[in-house]
Amino acid sequence: GGVDLAALPWPEQQKMRAKQMRFLLTRGFAMDVVRQLLP
C-alpha cells in the first residue's frame, strides 16, 4: 500500500521522498525523470 505523504509531518515527508528517490535512482531512472514523478 502507498503512503499519503501529505498526511505525514514535514520531516517524515522528506524522509519518505528521499527514500523513494534513492529507490528509483538505483533502478536506473534519471534524476530529471524522478523529479517529475515525485511531487
Protein backbone atom coordinates (compact mmCIF):
# COMPACT_ATOMS: atom_id res chain seq x y z
CA GLY A 1 0.00 0.00 0.00
CA GLY A 2 1.02 3.52 -0.69
CA VAL A 3 1.65 6.21 1.86
CA ASP A 4 -0.08 9.59 1.63
CA LEU A 5 2.87 11.94 2.00
CA ALA A 6 0.61 14.92 2.64
CA ALA A 7 -0.75 13.23 5.79
CA LEU A 8 2.74 12.92 7.32
CA PRO A 9 4.61 15.59 9.29
CA TRP A 10 7.12 17.56 7.20
CA PRO A 11 10.31 15.75 8.41
CA GLU A 12 8.70 12.38 7.69
CA GLN A 13 7.63 13.60 4.23
CA GLN A 14 11.24 14.49 3.46
CA LYS A 15 12.49 11.08 4.64
CA MET A 16 9.95 9.19 2.54
CA ARG A 17 10.61 11.32 -0.55
CA ALA A 18 14.37 10.75 -0.22
CA LYS A 19 13.82 7.01 0.16
CA GLN A 20 11.63 6.92 -2.95
CA MET A 21 14.18 8.96 -4.91
CA ARG A 22 17.02 6.61 -3.92
CA PHE A 23 14.94 3.59 -4.92
CA LEU A 24 14.15 5.00 -8.37
CA LEU A 25 17.71 6.21 -8.96
CA THR A 26 19.18 2.80 -8.12
CA ARG A 27 16.73 1.25 -10.60
CA GLY A 28 18.23 3.33 -13.40
CA PHE A 29 15.83 6.25 -13.66
CA ALA A 30 17.40 9.60 -14.50
CA MET A 31 17.21 12.38 -11.90
CA ASP A 32 15.06 14.59 -14.13
CA VAL A 33 12.55 11.75 -14.55
CA VAL A 34 12.50 11.09 -10.79
CA ARG A 35 11.82 14.79 -10.11
CA GLN A 36 8.86 14.70 -12.48
CA LEU A 37 7.44 11.54 -10.91
CA LEU A 38 7.64 12.63 -7.27
CA PRO A 39 5.57 15.59 -6.10
